[in-house]
N, C-alpha and C. Protein backbone atom coordinates (compact mmCIF):
# COMPACT_ATOMS: atom_id res chain seq x y z
N LYS A 1 -5.54 10.23 -5.84
CA LYS A 1 -6.24 9.66 -6.81
C LYS A 1 -6.11 8.13 -6.66
N TRP A 2 -5.21 7.87 -5.80
CA TRP A 2 -5.03 6.56 -5.12
C TRP A 2 -6.39 5.77 -4.51
N ALA A 3 -6.97 6.32 -4.03
CA ALA A 3 -8.22 6.50 -3.54
C ALA A 3 -9.40 6.11 -4.81
N GLU A 4 -9.07 6.89 -5.86
CA GLU A 4 -10.03 6.70 -6.95
C GLU A 4 -9.71 5.31 -7.60
N HIS A 5 -8.67 4.73 -7.91
CA HIS A 5 -8.28 3.68 -8.48
C HIS A 5 -8.63 2.63 -7.50
N MET A 6 -8.87 2.61 -6.27
CA MET A 6 -9.40 1.71 -5.48
C MET A 6 -10.59 1.28 -5.62
N ARG A 7 -11.52 2.49 -5.70
CA ARG A 7 -12.87 2.83 -5.62
C ARG A 7 -13.15 2.19 -7.27
N ALA A 8 -12.23 2.38 -8.19
CA ALA A 8 -12.84 1.69 -9.75
C ALA A 8 -12.93 0.68 -9.78
N GLN A 9 -11.83 -0.26 -8.78
CA GLN A 9 -11.80 -1.33 -8.58
C GLN A 9 -12.71 -2.00 -7.38
N GLY A 10 -13.56 -1.61 -7.32
CA GLY A 10 -14.89 -2.12 -6.47
C GLY A 10 -14.34 -2.38 -4.79
N PHE A 11 -13.57 -1.26 -4.28
CA PHE A 11 -13.29 -1.05 -2.96
C PHE A 11 -13.98 -0.24 -2.61
N ASP A 12 -14.54 0.09 -1.04
CA ASP A 12 -15.67 0.80 -0.44
C ASP A 12 -14.29 1.65 0.22
N VAL A 13 -14.07 3.06 -0.02
CA VAL A 13 -12.82 3.57 0.43
C VAL A 13 -13.41 4.99 1.16
N LYS A 14 -12.96 4.96 2.55
CA LYS A 14 -13.56 5.83 3.16
C LYS A 14 -11.98 6.89 3.60
N THR A 15 -11.74 8.14 3.30
CA THR A 15 -10.66 8.35 3.76
C THR A 15 -10.60 9.39 5.11
N HIS A 16 -9.55 9.40 5.96
CA HIS A 16 -9.20 10.37 6.95
C HIS A 16 -8.17 11.15 6.93
N GLU A 17 -8.48 12.35 6.71
CA GLU A 17 -7.24 13.28 6.93
C GLU A 17 -6.49 13.28 8.14
N VAL A 18 -5.20 13.17 8.32
CA VAL A 18 -4.51 13.47 9.59
C VAL A 18 -3.22 14.34 9.72
N GLU A 19 -3.11 14.83 11.03
CA GLU A 19 -2.06 15.78 11.08
C GLU A 19 -1.23 14.93 11.05
N ASP A 20 -0.49 13.66 11.59
CA ASP A 20 0.75 13.34 11.44
C ASP A 20 0.97 11.87 11.28
N VAL A 21 1.27 11.95 9.38
CA VAL A 21 1.17 10.54 8.77
C VAL A 21 2.13 9.43 9.50
N PRO A 22 3.25 9.95 9.83
CA PRO A 22 4.29 9.12 9.95
C PRO A 22 4.08 8.58 11.75
N GLY A 23 3.54 9.37 12.41
CA GLY A 23 2.89 8.70 13.62
C GLY A 23 1.63 7.68 13.79
N GLN A 24 0.83 8.03 12.49
CA GLN A 24 -0.39 7.54 12.77
C GLN A 24 0.06 5.99 12.04
N ARG A 25 0.94 6.08 10.82
CA ARG A 25 1.69 4.47 10.32
C ARG A 25 2.27 3.48 11.71
N LYS A 26 3.15 4.19 12.61
CA LYS A 26 3.74 4.10 13.14
C LYS A 26 2.72 3.26 14.25
N LYS A 27 1.64 3.72 14.98
CA LYS A 27 0.50 3.61 15.59
C LYS A 27 -0.47 2.24 15.10
N LEU A 28 -0.34 2.30 13.75
CA LEU A 28 -0.70 1.31 13.22
C LEU A 28 -0.17 -0.12 12.82
N GLY A 29 1.00 0.29 12.85
CA GLY A 29 2.22 -0.72 12.60
C GLY A 29 3.10 -1.33 11.40
N MET A 30 2.70 -0.07 10.53
CA MET A 30 3.47 -0.31 9.28
C MET A 30 5.23 0.41 9.65
N PRO A 31 5.99 -0.62 9.28
CA PRO A 31 7.42 0.10 9.87
C PRO A 31 7.76 1.22 9.30
N ASP A 32 8.17 2.40 9.45
CA ASP A 32 8.31 3.71 9.02
C ASP A 32 9.61 3.60 7.73
N ALA A 33 10.50 2.48 7.62
CA ALA A 33 11.00 2.39 6.44
C ALA A 33 10.19 2.07 5.15
N TYR A 34 8.92 1.61 5.17
CA TYR A 34 8.52 1.44 4.29
C TYR A 34 7.08 2.41 3.60
N GLY A 35 7.64 3.55 4.35
CA GLY A 35 6.44 4.36 4.54
C GLY A 35 6.06 5.29 3.23
N SER A 36 5.14 5.72 3.23
CA SER A 36 4.91 6.55 1.75
C SER A 36 3.89 7.46 2.01
N CYS A 37 3.00 8.06 1.36
CA CYS A 37 1.93 9.28 1.48
C CYS A 37 0.94 9.09 2.29
N HIS A 38 0.58 7.79 2.15
CA HIS A 38 -1.05 7.28 2.71
C HIS A 38 -1.07 6.12 3.36
N THR A 39 -1.56 5.55 4.49
CA THR A 39 -1.58 4.31 4.96
C THR A 39 -3.15 3.81 4.56
N ALA A 40 -3.65 2.72 4.62
CA ALA A 40 -4.83 2.07 4.64
C ALA A 40 -5.08 0.86 5.66
N LYS A 41 -6.21 0.63 5.58
CA LYS A 41 -6.70 -0.59 6.46
C LYS A 41 -7.41 -1.55 5.70
N VAL A 42 -7.07 -2.58 5.22
CA VAL A 42 -8.18 -3.68 4.40
C VAL A 42 -8.19 -4.61 4.71
N GLY A 43 -9.35 -4.99 5.35
CA GLY A 43 -9.62 -6.08 6.22
C GLY A 43 -8.20 -6.46 7.90
N ASN A 44 -7.20 -7.56 8.08
CA ASN A 44 -6.20 -7.27 8.74
C ASN A 44 -5.64 -7.06 8.78
N TYR A 45 -5.08 -6.28 7.05
CA TYR A 45 -4.01 -5.53 6.89
C TYR A 45 -3.77 -4.55 6.71
N LEU A 46 -2.66 -3.69 6.38
CA LEU A 46 -2.53 -2.39 6.08
C LEU A 46 -1.72 -2.31 4.62
N ILE A 47 -2.19 -1.48 4.13
CA ILE A 47 -1.91 -0.73 2.61
C ILE A 47 -1.14 0.11 2.75
N GLU A 48 0.26 0.09 2.19
CA GLU A 48 1.03 1.58 2.02
C GLU A 48 1.08 1.97 0.90
N GLY A 49 1.31 3.10 0.89
CA GLY A 49 1.16 3.73 -0.37
C GLY A 49 0.51 3.56 -1.49
N HIS A 50 1.03 3.46 -2.51
CA HIS A 50 0.56 3.11 -4.18
C HIS A 50 0.13 2.04 -4.67
N VAL A 51 0.05 0.92 -3.72
CA VAL A 51 0.05 -0.47 -4.18
C VAL A 51 -1.57 -0.59 -5.03
N PRO A 52 -1.22 -1.49 -5.87
CA PRO A 52 -2.16 -1.76 -6.82
C PRO A 52 -3.55 -2.32 -6.23
N ALA A 53 -4.81 -2.07 -7.10
CA ALA A 53 -5.56 -3.01 -6.33
C ALA A 53 -5.77 -4.63 -6.55
N ALA A 54 -4.98 -4.87 -8.12
CA ALA A 54 -4.94 -6.20 -7.82
C ALA A 54 -3.95 -6.85 -7.17
N ASP A 55 -2.95 -6.23 -6.46
CA ASP A 55 -2.02 -6.59 -5.50
C ASP A 55 -2.89 -6.83 -4.11
N VAL A 56 -3.74 -6.02 -3.87
CA VAL A 56 -4.81 -6.14 -2.79
C VAL A 56 -5.98 -7.30 -2.64
N GLN A 57 -6.16 -7.25 -3.63
CA GLN A 57 -6.78 -8.57 -4.16
C GLN A 57 -6.26 -9.53 -3.99
N ARG A 58 -5.33 -10.16 -4.49
CA ARG A 58 -4.26 -11.24 -4.23
C ARG A 58 -4.22 -11.48 -2.73
N LEU A 59 -3.71 -10.29 -2.25
CA LEU A 59 -3.27 -10.12 -0.57
C LEU A 59 -4.73 -10.74 0.21
N LEU A 60 -6.07 -10.13 0.07
CA LEU A 60 -6.91 -11.14 0.56
C LEU A 60 -7.48 -11.95 0.36
N LYS A 61 -7.15 -12.70 -0.96
CA LYS A 61 -7.35 -14.32 -1.41
C LYS A 61 -6.30 -15.19 -0.67
N GLU A 62 -5.37 -14.89 -0.87
CA GLU A 62 -3.99 -16.03 -0.29
C GLU A 62 -3.99 -15.76 1.50
N LYS A 63 -3.91 -14.71 1.62
CA LYS A 63 -4.17 -14.56 3.52
C LYS A 63 -3.04 -15.09 4.06
N PRO A 64 -1.92 -14.19 3.52
CA PRO A 64 -0.49 -14.89 4.22
C PRO A 64 -0.87 -13.82 5.54
N LYS A 65 0.47 -14.63 6.33
CA LYS A 65 0.68 -13.98 7.39
C LYS A 65 1.56 -12.48 7.62
N ALA A 66 1.12 -11.87 7.44
CA ALA A 66 1.75 -10.39 7.01
C ALA A 66 1.26 -9.06 7.77
N VAL A 67 1.71 -7.95 7.62
CA VAL A 67 1.44 -6.84 8.10
C VAL A 67 0.34 -6.59 6.99
N GLY A 68 0.82 -6.29 6.10
CA GLY A 68 0.27 -5.93 4.89
C GLY A 68 1.61 -5.84 3.66
N LEU A 69 1.01 -5.14 2.94
CA LEU A 69 1.51 -4.63 1.66
C LEU A 69 1.96 -3.31 1.83
N ALA A 70 3.64 -3.26 0.91
CA ALA A 70 3.78 -1.39 0.71
C ALA A 70 4.61 -1.22 -0.62
N VAL A 71 4.20 -0.16 -1.03
CA VAL A 71 4.73 0.83 -2.28
C VAL A 71 5.55 1.72 -1.35
N PRO A 72 6.55 1.84 -1.22
CA PRO A 72 7.39 2.81 -0.76
C PRO A 72 7.71 3.75 -1.69
N SER A 73 7.85 4.87 -1.00
CA SER A 73 8.04 6.22 -1.87
C SER A 73 6.96 6.48 -2.93
N MET A 74 7.24 7.32 -4.02
CA MET A 74 5.85 7.14 -4.90
C MET A 74 6.19 7.24 -6.04
N PRO A 75 6.59 5.64 -6.73
CA PRO A 75 7.05 5.61 -7.74
C PRO A 75 5.77 6.03 -9.16
N PRO A 76 6.73 6.58 -10.08
CA PRO A 76 5.88 7.26 -10.95
C PRO A 76 5.21 5.88 -12.05
N GLY A 77 4.03 5.92 -12.12
CA GLY A 77 3.61 4.94 -12.97
C GLY A 77 2.52 3.85 -11.70
N SER A 78 2.75 4.06 -10.95
CA SER A 78 1.88 3.60 -9.67
C SER A 78 0.37 4.27 -10.06
N PRO A 79 -0.61 3.27 -9.26
CA PRO A 79 -1.49 4.02 -9.28
C PRO A 79 -1.93 5.29 -8.69
N GLY A 80 -2.58 5.90 -9.28
CA GLY A 80 -2.51 7.01 -8.50
C GLY A 80 -1.33 8.37 -8.81
N MET A 81 0.03 7.76 -9.30
CA MET A 81 0.82 8.67 -9.91
C MET A 81 1.31 8.31 -11.25
N GLU A 82 0.25 8.23 -11.88
CA GLU A 82 0.40 8.16 -13.22
C GLU A 82 1.12 9.19 -13.80
N SER A 83 2.31 8.24 -14.85
CA SER A 83 3.17 9.30 -15.73
C SER A 83 3.48 9.00 -16.98
N ALA A 84 3.70 9.92 -17.54
CA ALA A 84 4.20 9.44 -18.97
C ALA A 84 5.62 8.78 -18.98
N LYS A 85 5.97 9.22 -17.94
CA LYS A 85 7.59 7.98 -17.97
C LYS A 85 7.40 7.06 -16.49
N PRO A 86 6.44 5.94 -16.45
CA PRO A 86 6.47 5.20 -15.55
C PRO A 86 7.86 4.54 -15.13
N MET A 87 7.95 3.82 -14.01
CA MET A 87 9.32 3.56 -13.54
C MET A 87 8.99 2.40 -12.86
N PRO A 88 9.93 0.95 -12.92
CA PRO A 88 9.09 -0.48 -12.67
C PRO A 88 9.33 -0.03 -11.03
N TYR A 89 8.25 -1.04 -10.34
CA TYR A 89 8.58 -0.96 -9.11
C TYR A 89 7.74 -2.38 -8.25
N GLU A 90 8.30 -2.64 -6.98
CA GLU A 90 7.76 -3.75 -6.55
C GLU A 90 6.83 -3.16 -5.45
N THR A 91 5.93 -4.34 -5.34
CA THR A 91 5.32 -4.17 -4.09
C THR A 91 5.65 -5.16 -3.18
N LEU A 92 6.13 -5.11 -1.87
CA LEU A 92 6.60 -5.65 -0.83
C LEU A 92 5.45 -5.88 -0.14
N LEU A 93 5.43 -7.34 0.38
CA LEU A 93 5.01 -7.81 1.56
C LEU A 93 5.78 -7.94 2.78
N VAL A 94 5.21 -7.17 3.62
CA VAL A 94 5.54 -6.56 4.85
C VAL A 94 5.19 -7.57 6.26
N LYS A 95 6.25 -8.27 6.77
CA LYS A 95 5.90 -9.31 7.57
C LYS A 95 6.13 -8.68 9.12
N ALA A 96 5.31 -9.36 10.11
CA ALA A 96 5.77 -8.82 11.46
C ALA A 96 6.82 -8.65 12.30
N ASP A 97 8.05 -9.14 11.55
CA ASP A 97 9.22 -8.61 11.97
C ASP A 97 9.94 -7.81 11.52
N GLY A 98 9.03 -7.26 10.40
CA GLY A 98 9.58 -5.82 9.53
C GLY A 98 10.28 -6.45 8.57
N SER A 99 10.69 -7.78 8.77
CA SER A 99 11.17 -8.40 7.06
C SER A 99 10.23 -8.23 5.92
N THR A 100 10.87 -7.84 4.76
CA THR A 100 9.81 -7.77 3.69
C THR A 100 10.16 -9.02 2.73
N SER A 101 9.28 -9.47 1.41
CA SER A 101 9.68 -10.16 0.59
C SER A 101 8.81 -9.64 -0.75
N VAL A 102 9.45 -9.86 -1.82
CA VAL A 102 8.49 -9.02 -3.34
C VAL A 102 7.52 -10.07 -3.54
N PHE A 103 6.15 -9.12 -3.19
CA PHE A 103 4.69 -9.35 -3.52
C PHE A 103 4.58 -9.66 -4.74
N ALA A 104 4.98 -8.46 -5.63
CA ALA A 104 4.53 -8.31 -7.56
C ALA A 104 5.62 -7.15 -7.52
N ARG A 105 5.89 -7.67 -8.93
CA ARG A 105 6.99 -6.29 -9.91
C ARG A 105 5.79 -6.10 -10.59
N HIS A 106 6.26 -4.66 -11.12
CA HIS A 106 5.43 -3.94 -11.82
C HIS A 106 6.06 -3.00 -12.72
């Protein structure tokens, strides 16, 4: 459902089923600590988990030095994880050294 959310916001999404999601995440360069159920590549960035399209659009506009964005776990209420009981969550900016800062609060 996250891919549908991204398509609805104008992103061209191509999916690839993989056997080893953590292994693929590591190969791409996203620290496992921020892992979720899927990893995407957008431009020169990685997008981990249920990151809102608006956050990805902001990332592409601001172009910070970073690996990318992550929404660890699968928080209810995030794109693709719609819920009658949404929970607050944060989108993290993942830096090359593995550290993070809060990019957005939802």
